C-alpha atoms as a PDB file:
ATOM      1  CA  UNK A   1      89.305  67.218 100.166  1.00  0.00           C
ATOM      2  CA  UNK A   2      92.361  68.136 101.723  1.00  0.00           C
ATOM      3  CA  UNK A   3      94.985  69.243  99.414  1.00  0.00           C
ATOM      4  CA  UNK A   4      98.378  67.062  98.704  1.00  0.00           C
ATOM      5  CA  UNK A   5     101.759  67.857 100.636  1.00  0.00           C
ATOM      6  CA  UNK A   6     103.284  67.453  97.190  1.00  0.00           C
ATOM      7  CA  UNK A   7     100.970  69.985  95.583  1.00  0.00           C
ATOM      8  CA  UNK A   8     101.613  72.418  98.372  1.00  0.00           C
ATOM      9  CA  UNK A   9     105.503  72.038  97.980  1.00  0.00           C
ATOM     10  CA  UNK A  10     105.068  72.333  93.872  1.00  0.00           C
ATOM     11  CA  UNK A  11     102.916  75.580  94.635  1.00  0.00           C
ATOM     12  CA  UNK A  12     105.437  76.987  96.784  1.00  0.00           C
ATOM     13  CA  UNK A  13     108.380  76.145  94.609  1.00  0.00           C
ATOM     14  CA  UNK A  14     106.472  77.585  91.656  1.00  0.00           C
ATOM     15  CA  UNK A  15     105.566  81.176  93.941  1.00  0.00           C
ATOM     16  CA  UNK A  16     109.335  81.259  95.174  1.00  0.00           C
ATOM     17  CA  UNK A  17     110.248  81.208  91.443  1.00  0.00           C
ATOM     18  CA  UNK A  18     108.142  84.023  90.559  1.00  0.00           C
ATOM     19  CA  UNK A  19     109.082  85.955  93.575  1.00  0.00           C
ATOM     20  CA  UNK A  20     112.791  85.621  92.663  1.00  0.00           C
ATOM     21  CA  UNK A  21     112.324  87.174  89.139  1.00  0.00           C
ATOM     22  CA  UNK A  22     110.167  89.802  90.317  1.00  0.00           C
ATOM     23  CA  UNK A  23     112.852  90.799  92.756  1.00  0.00           C
ATOM     24  CA  UNK A  24     115.807  90.384  90.313  1.00  0.00           C
ATOM     25  CA  UNK A  25     113.779  92.477  87.630  1.00  0.00           C
ATOM     26  CA  UNK A  26     113.532  94.910  90.257  1.00  0.00           C
ATOM     27  CA  UNK A  27     117.493  95.510  89.937  1.00  0.00           C
ATOM     28  CA  UNK A  28     117.892  92.364  92.414  1.00  0.00           C
ATOM     29  CA  UNK A  29     116.414  94.753  95.314  1.00  0.00           C
ATOM     30  CA  UNK A  30     114.868  92.263  97.396  1.00  0.00           C
ATOM     31  CA  UNK A  31     111.259  92.824  99.130  1.00  0.00           C
ATOM     32  CA  UNK A  32     110.908  92.832 102.590  1.00  0.00           C
ATOM     33  CA  UNK A  33     110.881  89.577 104.290  1.00  0.00           C
ATOM     34  CA  UNK A  34     106.964  89.945 105.201  1.00  0.00           C
ATOM     35  CA  UNK A  35     106.310  91.290 101.977  1.00  0.00           C
ATOM     36  CA  UNK A  36     108.120  88.429 100.276  1.00  0.00           C
ATOM     37  CA  UNK A  37     105.969  86.106 102.492  1.00  0.00           C
ATOM     38  CA  UNK A  38     102.891  87.642 101.785  1.00  0.00           C
ATOM     39  CA  UNK A  39     103.291  87.525  97.955  1.00  0.00           C
ATOM     40  CA  UNK A  40     104.212  83.860  98.185  1.00  0.00           C
ATOM     41  CA  UNK A  41     101.018  83.030 100.229  1.00  0.00           C
ATOM     42  CA  UNK A  42      99.251  84.857  97.611  1.00  0.00           C
ATOM     43  CA  UNK A  43     100.620  82.732  94.776  1.00  0.00           C
ATOM     44  CA  UNK A  44     100.631  79.419  96.509  1.00  0.00           C
ATOM     45  CA  UNK A  45      96.773  80.190  97.328  1.00  0.00           C
ATOM     46  CA  UNK A  46      96.089  80.911  93.509  1.00  0.00           C
ATOM     47  CA  UNK A  47      97.863  78.273  92.202  1.00  0.00           C
ATOM     48  CA  UNK A  48      96.227  75.753  94.855  1.00  0.00           C
ATOM     49  CA  UNK A  49      92.828  76.775  93.109  1.00  0.00           C
ATOM     50  CA  UNK A  50      94.012  75.353  90.366  1.00  0.00           C
ATOM     51  CA  UNK A  51      96.124  72.286  90.904  1.00  0.00           C
ATOM     52  CA  UNK A  52      96.257  69.746  90.229  1.00  0.00           C
ATOM     53  CA  UNK A  53      96.641  70.466  86.089  1.00  0.00           C
ATOM     54  CA  UNK A  54      98.721  69.696  83.370  1.00  0.00           C
ATOM     55  CA  UNK A  55      97.754  72.669  81.786  1.00  0.00           C
ATOM     56  CA  UNK A  56     100.481  75.559  81.803  1.00  0.00           C
ATOM     57  CA  UNK A  57      98.098  78.201  80.551  1.00  0.00           C
ATOM     58  CA  UNK A  58      95.763  77.390  83.830  1.00  0.00           C
ATOM     59  CA  UNK A  59      98.836  77.690  86.060  1.00  0.00           C
ATOM     60  CA  UNK A  60      99.819  80.843  84.260  1.00  0.00           C
ATOM     61  CA  UNK A  61      96.502  82.477  84.716  1.00  0.00           C
ATOM     62  CA  UNK A  62      96.457  81.519  88.527  1.00  0.00           C
ATOM     63  CA  UNK A  63      99.709  83.158  89.181  1.00  0.00           C
ATOM     64  CA  UNK A  64      98.510  86.167  86.966  1.00  0.00           C
ATOM     65  CA  UNK A  65      95.471  86.574  89.169  1.00  0.00           C
ATOM     66  CA  UNK A  66      97.540  86.423  92.354  1.00  0.00           C
ATOM     67  CA  UNK A  67      99.897  88.813  91.258  1.00  0.00           C
ATOM     68  CA  UNK A  68      96.961  91.299  90.159  1.00  0.00           C
ATOM     69  CA  UNK A  69      95.420  90.885  93.729  1.00  0.00           C
ATOM     70  CA  UNK A  70      99.035  91.362  95.685  1.00  0.00           C
ATOM     71  CA  UNK A  71     100.308  93.688  93.311  1.00  0.00           C
ATOM     72  CA  UNK A  72      97.107  96.067  93.563  1.00  0.00           C
ATOM     73  CA  UNK A  73      96.956  96.056  97.440  1.00  0.00           C
ATOM     74  CA  UNK A  74     100.794  96.626  98.010  1.00  0.00           C
ATOM     75  CA  UNK A  75     101.241  99.227  95.326  1.00  0.00           C
ATOM     76  CA  UNK A  76     103.794  97.636  93.487  1.00  0.00           C
ATOM     77  CA  UNK A  77     104.781  98.574  89.916  1.00  0.00           C
ATOM     78  CA  UNK A  78     105.066  96.310  87.016  1.00  0.00           C
ATOM     79  CA  UNK A  79     106.155  96.346  83.568  1.00  0.00           C
END
């Protein structure tokens, strides 16, 4: 089954917001554009695996899984 374009848009919006918060927490230092696209892509993929859902816990878990994958691979630090 093909994902809905609306679901992809929502997943991208969520992922962009997460990356914005991470950048803000890094003293406003933005990611390199390639790194930003990579992080957003991984987050969108993780979110699309659980969407559609009404569970904020499922969305948070998906985001955490995606961040765990990309943070480890890129060597980004976290709190």
